Amino acid sequence: PKVAQMTISDLTEGQDIVDTEEIGMSTVSVTPSEVGGKVIITY
């Protein structure tokens, strides 16, 4: 998961906080895959 930056606002005494910040979550999904090689060692 990845989240966005949030902004903190200046407040005024006696007034409600009006700005709502978004989490802004996104995700990165990854799946591994195989790699390989072969060596032949003779008698």
PDB file of all heavy atoms in Angstrom:
ATOM      1  N   PRO A   1       0.830  -1.212   0.000  1.00  0.00           N
ATOM      2  CA  PRO A   1       0.000   0.000   0.000  1.00  0.00           C
ATOM      3  C   PRO A   1       0.862   1.259   0.000  1.00  0.00           C
ATOM      4  O   PRO A   1       1.949   1.285   0.575  1.00  0.00           O
ATOM      5  CB  PRO A   1      -0.790  -0.129   1.307  1.00  0.00           C
ATOM      6  CG  PRO A   1       0.102  -0.924   2.202  1.00  0.00           C
ATOM      7  CD  PRO A   1       0.875  -1.858   1.322  1.00  0.00           C
ATOM      8  N   LYS A   2       0.389   2.296  -0.692  1.00  0.00           N
ATOM      9  CA  LYS A   2       1.020   3.608  -0.667  1.00  0.00           C
ATOM     10  C   LYS A   2      -0.044   4.641  -0.309  1.00  0.00           C
ATOM     11  O   LYS A   2      -1.206   4.505  -0.688  1.00  0.00           O
ATOM     12  CB  LYS A   2       1.623   3.962  -2.028  1.00  0.00           C
ATOM     13  CG  LYS A   2       2.725   3.041  -2.486  1.00  0.00           C
ATOM     14  CD  LYS A   2       3.470   3.644  -3.669  1.00  0.00           C
ATOM     15  CE  LYS A   2       2.559   3.876  -4.849  1.00  0.00           C
ATOM     16  NZ  LYS A   2       3.283   4.460  -6.006  1.00  0.00           N
ATOM     17  N   VAL A   3       0.354   5.675   0.430  1.00  0.00           N
ATOM     18  CA  VAL A   3      -0.583   6.726   0.816  1.00  0.00           C
ATOM     19  C   VAL A   3      -0.041   8.075   0.390  1.00  0.00           C
ATOM     20  O   VAL A   3       1.165   8.272   0.230  1.00  0.00           O
ATOM     21  CB  VAL A   3      -0.846   6.723   2.339  1.00  0.00           C
ATOM     22  CG1 VAL A   3      -1.552   5.443   2.752  1.00  0.00           C
ATOM     23  CG2 VAL A   3       0.444   6.892   3.116  1.00  0.00           C
ATOM     24  N   ALA A   4      -0.947   9.025   0.200  1.00  0.00           N
ATOM     25  CA  ALA A   4      -0.569  10.365  -0.224  1.00  0.00           C
ATOM     26  C   ALA A   4      -0.183  11.225   0.971  1.00  0.00           C
ATOM     27  O   ALA A   4      -0.380  10.838   2.126  1.00  0.00           O
ATOM     28  CB  ALA A   4      -1.733  11.010  -0.985  1.00  0.00           C
ATOM     29  N   GLN A   5       0.360  12.402   0.701  1.00  0.00           N
ATOM     30  CA  GLN A   5       0.672  13.348   1.757  1.00  0.00           C
ATOM     31  C   GLN A   5      -0.589  14.054   2.229  1.00  0.00           C
ATOM     32  O   GLN A   5      -1.523  14.262   1.459  1.00  0.00           O
ATOM     33  CB  GLN A   5       1.680  14.394   1.271  1.00  0.00           C
ATOM     34  CG  GLN A   5       3.070  13.856   1.020  1.00  0.00           C
ATOM     35  CD  GLN A   5       4.037  14.955   0.609  1.00  0.00           C
ATOM     36  OE1 GLN A   5       3.638  15.949   0.014  1.00  0.00           O
ATOM     37  NE2 GLN A   5       5.295  14.777   0.954  1.00  0.00           N
ATOM     38  N   MET A   6      -0.611  14.424   3.499  1.00  0.00           N
ATOM     39  CA  MET A   6      -1.714  15.203   4.050  1.00  0.00           C
ATOM     40  C   MET A   6      -1.244  16.614   4.368  1.00  0.00           C
ATOM     41  O   MET A   6      -0.046  16.847   4.599  1.00  0.00           O
ATOM     42  CB  MET A   6      -2.267  14.535   5.311  1.00  0.00           C
ATOM     43  CG  MET A   6      -3.000  13.242   5.065  1.00  0.00           C
ATOM     44  SD  MET A   6      -3.823  12.638   6.557  1.00  0.00           S
ATOM     45  CE  MET A   6      -4.605  11.158   5.916  1.00  0.00           C
ATOM     46  N   THR A   7      -2.173  17.552   4.371  1.00  0.00           N
ATOM     47  CA  THR A   7      -1.874  18.954   4.649  1.00  0.00           C
ATOM     48  C   THR A   7      -2.523  19.363   5.962  1.00  0.00           C
ATOM     49  O   THR A   7      -3.723  19.133   6.172  1.00  0.00           O
ATOM     50  CB  THR A   7      -2.387  19.860   3.525  1.00  0.00           C
ATOM     51  OG1 THR A   7      -1.776  19.476   2.282  1.00  0.00           O
ATOM     52  CG2 THR A   7      -2.051  21.318   3.800  1.00  0.00           C
ATOM     53  N   ILE A   8      -1.743  19.947   6.850  1.00  0.00           N
ATOM     54  CA  ILE A   8      -2.257  20.438   8.121  1.00  0.00           C
ATOM     55  C   ILE A   8      -2.563  21.930   7.982  1.00  0.00           C
ATOM     56  O   ILE A   8      -1.715  22.711   7.519  1.00  0.00           O
ATOM     57  CB  ILE A   8      -1.239  20.204   9.252  1.00  0.00           C
ATOM     58  CG1 ILE A   8      -0.899  18.709   9.353  1.00  0.00           C
ATOM     59  CG2 ILE A   8      -1.769  20.726  10.578  1.00  0.00           C
ATOM     60  CD1 ILE A   8      -2.084  17.818   9.624  1.00  0.00           C
ATOM     61  N   SER A   9      -3.759  22.346   8.374  1.00  0.00           N
ATOM     62  CA  SER A   9      -4.228  23.719   8.171  1.00  0.00           C
ATOM     63  C   SER A   9      -4.137  24.545   9.452  1.00  0.00           C
ATOM     64  O   SER A   9      -4.141  24.003  10.568  1.00  0.00           O
ATOM     65  CB  SER A   9      -5.687  23.708   7.687  1.00  0.00           C
ATOM     66  OG  SER A   9      -5.821  22.927   6.516  1.00  0.00           O
ATOM     67  N   ASP A  10      -4.053  25.857   9.269  1.00  0.00           N
ATOM     68  CA  ASP A  10      -4.149  26.773  10.400  1.00  0.00           C
ATOM     69  C   ASP A  10      -5.584  26.778  10.908  1.00  0.00           C
ATOM     70  O   ASP A  10      -6.543  26.689  10.122  1.00  0.00           O
ATOM     71  CB  ASP A  10      -3.747  28.188   9.980  1.00  0.00           C
ATOM     72  CG  ASP A  10      -2.281  28.289   9.587  1.00  0.00           C
ATOM     73  OD1 ASP A  10      -1.479  27.542  10.186  1.00  0.00           O
ATOM     74  OD2 ASP A  10      -1.949  29.079   8.682  1.00  0.00           O
ATOM     75  N   LEU A  11      -5.747  26.904  12.204  1.00  0.00           N
ATOM     76  CA  LEU A  11      -7.078  26.896  12.816  1.00  0.00           C
ATOM     77  C   LEU A  11      -7.382  28.236  13.462  1.00  0.00           C
ATOM     78  O   LEU A  11      -6.480  29.004  13.812  1.00  0.00           O
ATOM     79  CB  LEU A  11      -7.167  25.782  13.866  1.00  0.00           C
ATOM     80  CG  LEU A  11      -6.886  24.350  13.389  1.00  0.00           C
ATOM     81  CD1 LEU A  11      -6.989  23.385  14.559  1.00  0.00           C
ATOM     82  CD2 LEU A  11      -7.819  23.960  12.263  1.00  0.00           C
ATOM     83  N   THR A  12      -8.669  28.512  13.599  1.00  0.00           N
ATOM     84  CA  THR A  12      -9.143  29.712  14.283  1.00  0.00           C
ATOM     85  C   THR A  12      -9.901  29.292  15.522  1.00  0.00           C
ATOM     86  O   THR A  12     -10.784  28.418  15.457  1.00  0.00           O
ATOM     87  CB  THR A  12     -10.066  30.540  13.370  1.00  0.00           C
ATOM     88  OG1 THR A  12      -9.340  30.909  12.181  1.00  0.00           O
ATOM     89  CG2 THR A  12     -10.540  31.801  14.086  1.00  0.00           C
ATOM     90  N   GLU A  13      -9.564  29.882  16.639  1.00  0.00           N
ATOM     91  CA  GLU A  13     -10.189  29.519  17.906  1.00  0.00           C
ATOM     92  C   GLU A  13     -11.707  29.665  17.821  1.00  0.00           C
ATOM     93  O   GLU A  13     -12.231  30.674  17.328  1.00  0.00           O
ATOM     94  CB  GLU A  13      -9.651  30.402  19.030  1.00  0.00           C
ATOM     95  CG  GLU A  13     -10.198  30.038  20.398  1.00  0.00           C
ATOM     96  CD  GLU A  13      -9.661  30.939  21.492  1.00  0.00           C
ATOM     97  OE1 GLU A  13      -8.847  31.832  21.201  1.00  0.00           O
ATOM     98  OE2 GLU A  13     -10.077  30.746  22.651  1.00  0.00           O
ATOM     99  N   GLY A  14     -12.383  28.620  18.259  1.00  0.00           N
ATOM    100  CA  GLY A  14     -13.837  28.644  18.293  1.00  0.00           C
ATOM    101  C   GLY A  14     -14.501  28.222  17.006  1.00  0.00           C
ATOM    102  O   GLY A  14     -15.734  28.181  16.927  1.00  0.00           O
ATOM    103  N   GLN A  15     -13.727  27.929  15.982  1.00  0.00           N
ATOM    104  CA  GLN A  15     -14.303  27.496  14.713  1.00  0.00           C
ATOM    105  C   GLN A  15     -13.945  26.032  14.445  1.00  0.00           C
ATOM    106  O   GLN A  15     -12.849  25.577  14.771  1.00  0.00           O
ATOM    107  CB  GLN A  15     -13.796  28.366  13.557  1.00  0.00           C
ATOM    108  CG  GLN A  15     -14.289  29.796  13.620  1.00  0.00           C
ATOM    109  CD  GLN A  15     -13.890  30.582  12.379  1.00  0.00           C
ATOM    110  OE1 GLN A  15     -13.369  30.036  11.416  1.00  0.00           O
ATOM    111  NE2 GLN A  15     -14.142  31.890  12.409  1.00  0.00           N
ATOM    112  N   ASP A  16     -14.894  25.319  13.843  1.00  0.00           N
ATOM    113  CA  ASP A  16     -14.703  23.903  13.557  1.00  0.00           C
ATOM    114  C   ASP A  16     -13.669  23.729  12.442  1.00  0.00           C
ATOM    115  O   ASP A  16     -13.460  24.624  11.614  1.00  0.00           O
ATOM    116  CB  ASP A  16     -16.036  23.290  13.118  1.00  0.00           C
ATOM    117  CG  ASP A  16     -16.022  21.768  13.204  1.00  0.00           C
ATOM    118  OD1 ASP A  16     -14.994  21.217  13.634  1.00  0.00           O
ATOM    119  OD2 ASP A  16     -17.033  21.151  12.836  1.00  0.00           O
ATOM    120  N   ILE A  17     -13.020  22.579  12.431  1.00  0.00           N
ATOM    121  CA  ILE A  17     -12.110  22.229  11.335  1.00  0.00           C
ATOM    122  C   ILE A  17     -12.953  21.841  10.129  1.00  0.00           C
ATOM    123  O   ILE A  17     -13.760  20.909  10.191  1.00  0.00           O
ATOM    124  CB  ILE A  17     -11.176  21.062  11.738  1.00  0.00           C
ATOM    125  CG1 ILE A  17     -10.336  21.441  12.960  1.00  0.00           C
ATOM    126  CG2 ILE A  17     -10.278  20.670  10.567  1.00  0.00           C
ATOM    127  CD1 ILE A  17      -9.463  20.318  13.475  1.00  0.00           C
ATOM    128  N   VAL A  18     -12.761  22.564   9.042  1.00  0.00           N
ATOM    129  CA  VAL A  18     -13.607  22.329   7.866  1.00  0.00           C
ATOM    130  C   VAL A  18     -12.905  21.503   6.795  1.00  0.00           C
ATOM    131  O   VAL A  18     -13.551  20.867   5.964  1.00  0.00           O
ATOM    132  CB  VAL A  18     -14.080  23.670   7.262  1.00  0.00           C
ATOM    133  CG1 VAL A  18     -14.984  24.397   8.254  1.00  0.00           C
ATOM    134  CG2 VAL A  18     -12.897  24.537   6.878  1.00  0.00           C
ATOM    135  N   ASP A  19     -11.567  21.517   6.798  1.00  0.00           N
ATOM    136  CA  ASP A  19     -10.829  20.769   5.775  1.00  0.00           C
ATOM    137  C   ASP A  19     -10.698  19.307   6.165  1.00  0.00           C
ATOM    138  O   ASP A  19     -10.288  18.983   7.286  1.00  0.00           O
ATOM    139  CB  ASP A  19      -9.430  21.363   5.573  1.00  0.00           C
ATOM    140  CG  ASP A  19      -9.490  22.767   5.008  1.00  0.00           C
ATOM    141  OD1 ASP A  19     -10.432  23.056   4.261  1.00  0.00           O
ATOM    142  OD2 ASP A  19      -8.590  23.570   5.343  1.00  0.00           O
ATOM    143  N   THR A  20     -11.052  18.414   5.243  1.00  0.00           N
ATOM    144  CA  THR A  20     -10.918  16.976   5.460  1.00  0.00           C
ATOM    145  C   THR A  20      -9.839  16.431   4.526  1.00  0.00           C
ATOM    146  O   THR A  20      -9.882  16.662   3.318  1.00  0.00           O
ATOM    147  CB  THR A  20     -12.245  16.247   5.173  1.00  0.00           C
ATOM    148  OG1 THR A  20     -13.258  16.780   6.027  1.00  0.00           O
ATOM    149  CG2 THR A  20     -12.104  14.758   5.421  1.00  0.00           C
ATOM    150  N   GLU A  21      -8.904  15.737   5.100  1.00  0.00           N
ATOM    151  CA  GLU A  21      -7.796  15.202   4.306  1.00  0.00           C
ATOM    152  C   GLU A  21      -8.104  13.790   3.817  1.00  0.00           C
ATOM    153  O   GLU A  21      -8.762  13.014   4.513  1.00  0.00           O
ATOM    154  CB  GLU A  21      -6.502  15.196   5.136  1.00  0.00           C
ATOM    155  CG  GLU A  21      -6.052  16.569   5.591  1.00  0.00           C
ATOM    156  CD  GLU A  21      -5.817  17.509   4.447  1.00  0.00           C
ATOM    157  OE1 GLU A  21      -5.216  17.088   3.441  1.00  0.00           O
ATOM    158  OE2 GLU A  21      -6.251  18.676   4.535  1.00  0.00           O
ATOM    159  N   GLU A  22      -7.608  13.483   2.637  1.00  0.00           N
ATOM    160  CA  GLU A  22      -7.791  12.159   2.044  1.00  0.00           C
ATOM    161  C   GLU A  22      -6.564  11.293   2.308  1.00  0.00           C
ATOM    162  O   GLU A  22      -5.423  11.759   2.217  1.00  0.00           O
ATOM    163  CB  GLU A  22      -8.006  12.266   0.530  1.00  0.00           C
ATOM    164  CG  GLU A  22      -9.272  13.003   0.133  1.00  0.00           C
ATOM    165  CD  GLU A  22     -10.530  12.242   0.507  1.00  0.00           C
ATOM    166  OE1 GLU A  22     -10.458  10.997   0.637  1.00  0.00           O
ATOM    167  OE2 GLU A  22     -11.577  12.889   0.675  1.00  0.00           O
ATOM    168  N   ILE A  23      -6.819  10.049   2.652  1.00  0.00           N
ATOM    169  CA  ILE A  23      -5.703   9.113   2.823  1.00  0.00           C
ATOM    170  C   ILE A  23      -4.989   8.890   1.496  1.00  0.00           C
ATOM    171  O   ILE A  23      -3.769   8.769   1.430  1.00  0.00           O
ATOM    172  CB  ILE A  23      -6.209   7.767   3.392  1.00  0.00           C
ATOM    173  CG1 ILE A  23      -6.789   7.984   4.799  1.00  0.00           C
ATOM    174  CG2 ILE A  23      -5.075   6.740   3.434  1.00  0.00           C
ATOM    175  CD1 ILE A  23      -7.402   6.741   5.396  1.00  0.00           C
ATOM    176  N   GLY A  24      -5.743   8.844   0.416  1.00  0.00           N
ATOM    177  CA  GLY A  24      -5.140   8.691  -0.905  1.00  0.00           C
ATOM    178  C   GLY A  24      -4.382   7.389  -1.077  1.00  0.00           C
ATOM    179  O   GLY A  24      -3.274   7.374  -1.613  1.00  0.00           O
ATOM    180  N   MET A  25      -4.972   6.298  -0.623  1.00  0.00           N
ATOM    181  CA  MET A  25      -4.264   5.018  -0.673  1.00  0.00           C
ATOM    182  C   MET A  25      -4.324   4.383  -2.056  1.00  0.00           C
ATOM    183  O   MET A  25      -5.365   4.369  -2.706  1.00  0.00           O
ATOM    184  CB  MET A  25      -4.844   4.055   0.360  1.00  0.00           C
ATOM    185  CG  MET A  25      -4.137   2.695   0.381  1.00  0.00           C
ATOM    186  SD  MET A  25      -4.746   1.585   1.672  1.00  0.00           S
ATOM    187  CE  MET A  25      -4.080   2.399   3.137  1.00  0.00           C
ATOM    188  N   SER A  26      -3.182   3.887  -2.484  1.00  0.00           N
ATOM    189  CA  SER A  26      -3.101   3.087  -3.700  1.00  0.00           C
ATOM    190  C   SER A  26      -2.221   1.885  -3.388  1.00  0.00           C
ATOM    191  O   SER A  26      -1.572   1.830  -2.341  1.00  0.00           O
ATOM    192  CB  SER A  26      -2.511   3.898  -4.857  1.00  0.00           C
ATOM    193  OG  SER A  26      -1.208   4.336  -4.533  1.00  0.00           O
ATOM    194  N   THR A  27      -2.196   0.924  -4.274  1.00  0.00           N
ATOM    195  CA  THR A  27      -1.417  -0.289  -4.013  1.00  0.00           C
ATOM    196  C   THR A  27      -0.570  -0.657  -5.222  1.00  0.00           C
ATOM    197  O   THR A  27      -0.886  -0.320  -6.366  1.00  0.00           O
ATOM    198  CB  THR A  27      -2.325  -1.484  -3.658  1.00  0.00           C
ATOM    199  OG1 THR A  27      -3.218  -1.731  -4.758  1.00  0.00           O
ATOM    200  CG2 THR A  27      -3.113  -1.210  -2.394  1.00  0.00           C
ATOM    201  N   VAL A  28       0.533  -1.337  -4.943  1.00  0.00           N
ATOM    202  CA  VAL A  28       1.383  -1.918  -5.967  1.00  0.00           C
ATOM    203  C   VAL A  28       1.357  -3.430  -5.765  1.00  0.00           C
ATOM    204  O   VAL A  28       1.646  -3.915  -4.666  1.00  0.00           O
ATOM    205  CB  VAL A  28       2.826  -1.402  -5.859  1.00  0.00           C
ATOM    206  CG1 VAL A  28       3.727  -2.118  -6.864  1.00  0.00           C
ATOM    207  CG2 VAL A  28       2.883   0.093  -6.086  1.00  0.00           C
ATOM    208  N   SER A  29       0.984  -4.181  -6.803  1.00  0.00           N
ATOM    209  CA  SER A  29       0.918  -5.640  -6.720  1.00  0.00           C
ATOM    210  C   SER A  29       1.982  -6.247  -7.630  1.00  0.00           C
ATOM    211  O   SER A  29       2.081  -5.880  -8.800  1.00  0.00           O
ATOM    212  CB  SER A  29      -0.465  -6.145  -7.138  1.00  0.00           C
ATOM    213  OG  SER A  29      -1.477  -5.625  -6.289  1.00  0.00           O
ATOM    214  N   VAL A  30       2.770  -7.160  -7.081  1.00  0.00           N
ATOM    215  CA  VAL A  30       3.844  -7.778  -7.862  1.00  0.00           C
ATOM    216  C   VAL A  30       3.859  -9.280  -7.627  1.00  0.00           C
ATOM    217  O   VAL A  30       3.567  -9.760  -6.527  1.00  0.00           O
ATOM    218  CB  VAL A  30       5.222  -7.182  -7.513  1.00  0.00           C
ATOM    219  CG1 VAL A  30       5.337  -5.774  -8.040  1.00  0.00           C
ATOM    220  CG2 VAL A  30       5.472  -7.195  -6.022  1.00  0.00           C
ATOM    221  N   THR A  31       4.211 -10.011  -8.670  1.00  0.00           N
ATOM    222  CA  THR A  31       4.288 -11.473  -8.619  1.00  0.00           C
ATOM    223  C   THR A  31       5.643 -11.925  -9.154  1.00  0.00           C
ATOM    224  O   THR A  31       6.037 -11.522 -10.258  1.00  0.00           O
ATOM    225  CB  THR A  31       3.175 -12.113  -9.466  1.00  0.00           C
ATOM    226  OG1 THR A  31       1.900 -11.660  -8.997  1.00  0.00           O
ATOM    227  CG2 THR A  31       3.231 -13.626  -9.378  1.00  0.00           C
ATOM    228  N   PRO A  32       6.393 -12.707  -8.404  1.00  0.00           N
ATOM    229  CA  PRO A  32       7.717 -13.137  -8.867  1.00  0.00           C
ATOM    230  C   PRO A  32       7.622 -14.134 -10.017  1.00  0.00           C
ATOM    231  O   PRO A  32       6.597 -14.779 -10.232  1.00  0.00           O
ATOM    232  CB  PRO A  32       8.325 -13.792  -7.617  1.00  0.00           C
ATOM    233  CG  PRO A  32       7.150 -14.243  -6.821  1.00  0.00           C
ATOM    234  CD  PRO A  32       6.068 -13.237  -7.067  1.00  0.00           C
ATOM    235  N   SER A  33       8.713 -14.252 -10.758  1.00  0.00           N
ATOM    236  CA  SER A  33       8.796 -15.230 -11.847  1.00  0.00           C
ATOM    237  C   SER A  33      10.158 -15.904 -11.800  1.00  0.00           C
ATOM    238  O   SER A  33      11.111 -15.390 -11.211  1.00  0.00           O
ATOM    239  CB  SER A  33       8.576 -14.560 -13.207  1.00  0.00           C
ATOM    240  OG  SER A  33       9.525 -13.536 -13.415  1.00  0.00           O
ATOM    241  N   GLU A  34      10.272 -17.044 -12.453  1.00  0.00           N
ATOM    242  CA  GLU A  34      11.473 -17.868 -12.369  1.00  0.00           C
ATOM    243  C   GLU A  34      12.532 -17.461 -13.386  1.00  0.00           C
ATOM    244  O   GLU A  34      12.217 -17.052 -14.508  1.00  0.00           O
ATOM    245  CB  GLU A  34      11.127 -19.340 -12.585  1.00  0.00           C
ATOM    246  CG  GLU A  34      10.408 -19.991 -11.422  1.00  0.00           C
ATOM    247  CD  GLU A  34      10.216 -21.471 -11.645  1.00  0.00           C
ATOM    248  OE1 GLU A  34       9.708 -21.849 -12.721  1.00  0.00           O
ATOM    249  OE2 GLU A  34      10.583 -22.260 -10.764  1.00  0.00           O
ATOM    250  N   VAL A  35      13.785 -17.583 -12.985  1.00  0.00           N
ATOM    251  CA  VAL A  35      14.928 -17.486 -13.899  1.00  0.00           C
ATOM    252  C   VAL A  35      15.837 -18.660 -13.566  1.00  0.00           C
ATOM    253  O   VAL A  35      15.746 -19.242 -12.481  1.00  0.00           O
ATOM    254  CB  VAL A  35      15.693 -16.153 -13.738  1.00  0.00           C
ATOM    255  CG1 VAL A  35      14.782 -14.967 -13.984  1.00  0.00           C
ATOM    256  CG2 VAL A  35      16.325 -16.056 -12.347  1.00  0.00           C
ATOM    257  N   GLY A  36      16.713 -19.022 -14.484  1.00  0.00           N
ATOM    258  CA  GLY A  36      17.592 -20.150 -14.177  1.00  0.00           C
ATOM    259  C   GLY A  36      18.557 -20.485 -15.291  1.00  0.00           C
ATOM    260  O   GLY A  36      18.538 -19.880 -16.364  1.00  0.00           O
ATOM    261  N   GLY A  37      19.422 -21.434 -15.004  1.00  0.00           N
ATOM    262  CA  GLY A  37      20.396 -21.900 -15.979  1.00  0.00           C
ATOM    263  C   GLY A  37      20.866 -23.304 -15.611  1.00  0.00           C
ATOM    264  O   GLY A  37      20.606 -23.802 -14.513  1.00  0.00           O
ATOM    265  N   LYS A  38      21.563 -23.931 -16.549  1.00  0.00           N
ATOM    266  CA  LYS A  38      22.020 -25.301 -16.341  1.00  0.00           C
ATOM    267  C   LYS A  38      23.486 -25.432 -16.711  1.00  0.00           C
ATOM    268  O   LYS A  38      23.949 -24.845 -17.689  1.00  0.00           O
ATOM    269  CB  LYS A  38      21.185 -26.273 -17.195  1.00  0.00           C
ATOM    270  CG  LYS A  38      21.586 -27.735 -17.039  1.00  0.00           C
ATOM    271  CD  LYS A  38      20.612 -28.648 -17.774  1.00  0.00           C
ATOM    272  CE  LYS A  38      20.759 -28.552 -19.281  1.00  0.00           C
ATOM    273  NZ  LYS A  38      19.937 -29.565 -19.985  1.00  0.00           N
ATOM    274  N   VAL A  39      24.216 -26.195 -15.902  1.00  0.00           N
ATOM    275  CA  VAL A  39      25.622 -26.497 -16.173  1.00  0.00           C
ATOM    276  C   VAL A  39      25.782 -28.011 -16.226  1.00  0.00           C
ATOM    277  O   VAL A  39      25.238 -28.720 -15.368  1.00  0.00           O
ATOM    278  CB  VAL A  39      26.539 -25.925 -15.078  1.00  0.00           C
ATOM    279  CG1 VAL A  39      27.987 -26.327 -15.337  1.00  0.00           C
ATOM    280  CG2 VAL A  39      26.434 -24.412 -15.020  1.00  0.00           C
ATOM    281  N   ILE A  40      26.499 -28.496 -17.229  1.00  0.00           N
ATOM    282  CA  ILE A  40      26.768 -29.927 -17.346  1.00  0.00           C
ATOM    283  C   ILE A  40      28.222 -30.181 -16.964  1.00  0.00           C
ATOM    284  O   ILE A  40      29.137 -29.599 -17.563  1.00  0.00           O
ATOM    285  CB  ILE A  40      26.486 -30.437 -18.767  1.00  0.00           C
ATOM    286  CG1 ILE A  40      24.988 -30.303 -19.084  1.00  0.00           C
ATOM    287  CG2 ILE A  40      26.941 -31.878 -18.924  1.00  0.00           C
ATOM    288  CD1 ILE A  40      24.625 -30.690 -20.500  1.00  0.00           C
ATOM    289  N   ILE A  41      28.423 -31.023 -15.958  1.00  0.00           N
ATOM    290  CA  ILE A  41      29.767 -31.371 -15.498  1.00  0.00           C
ATOM    291  C   ILE A  41      29.998 -32.850 -15.806  1.00  0.00           C
ATOM    292  O   ILE A  41      29.371 -33.720 -15.210  1.00  0.00           O
ATOM    293  CB  ILE A  41      29.921 -31.111 -13.989  1.00  0.00           C
ATOM    294  CG1 ILE A  41      29.583 -29.642 -13.681  1.00  0.00           C
ATOM    295  CG2 ILE A  41      31.328 -31.446 -13.524  1.00  0.00           C
ATOM    296  CD1 ILE A  41      29.607 -29.315 -12.211  1.00  0.00           C
ATOM    297  N   THR A  42      30.866 -33.128 -16.728  1.00  0.00           N
ATOM    298  CA  THR A  42      31.072 -34.504 -17.174  1.00  0.00           C
ATOM    299  C   THR A  42      31.910 -35.286 -16.174  1.00  0.00           C
ATOM    300  O   THR A  42      32.673 -34.720 -15.381  1.00  0.00           O
ATOM    301  CB  THR A  42      31.775 -34.527 -18.536  1.00  0.00           C
ATOM    302  OG1 THR A  42      33.083 -33.965 -18.398  1.00  0.00           O
ATOM    303  CG2 THR A  42      30.986 -33.738 -19.573  1.00  0.00           C
ATOM    304  N   TYR A  43      31.786 -36.601 -16.240  1.00  0.00           N
ATOM    305  CA  TYR A  43      32.604 -37.469 -15.390  1.00  0.00           C
ATOM    306  C   TYR A  43      34.091 -37.198 -15.634  1.00  0.00           C
ATOM    307  O   TYR A  43      34.899 -37.153 -14.707  1.00  0.00           O
ATOM    308  CB  TYR A  43      32.329 -38.941 -15.706  1.00  0.00           C
ATOM    309  CG  TYR A  43      30.938 -39.429 -15.382  1.00  0.00           C
ATOM    310  CD1 TYR A  43      30.528 -40.694 -15.809  1.00  0.00           C
ATOM    311  CD2 TYR A  43      30.042 -38.654 -14.652  1.00  0.00           C
ATOM    312  CE1 TYR A  43      29.267 -41.176 -15.516  1.00  0.00           C
ATOM    313  CE2 TYR A  43      28.777 -39.118 -14.360  1.00  0.00           C
ATOM    314  CZ  TYR A  43      28.386 -40.376 -14.791  1.00  0.00           C
ATOM    315  OH  TYR A  43      27.144 -40.849 -14.502  1.00  0.00           O
TER     316      TYR A  43
END
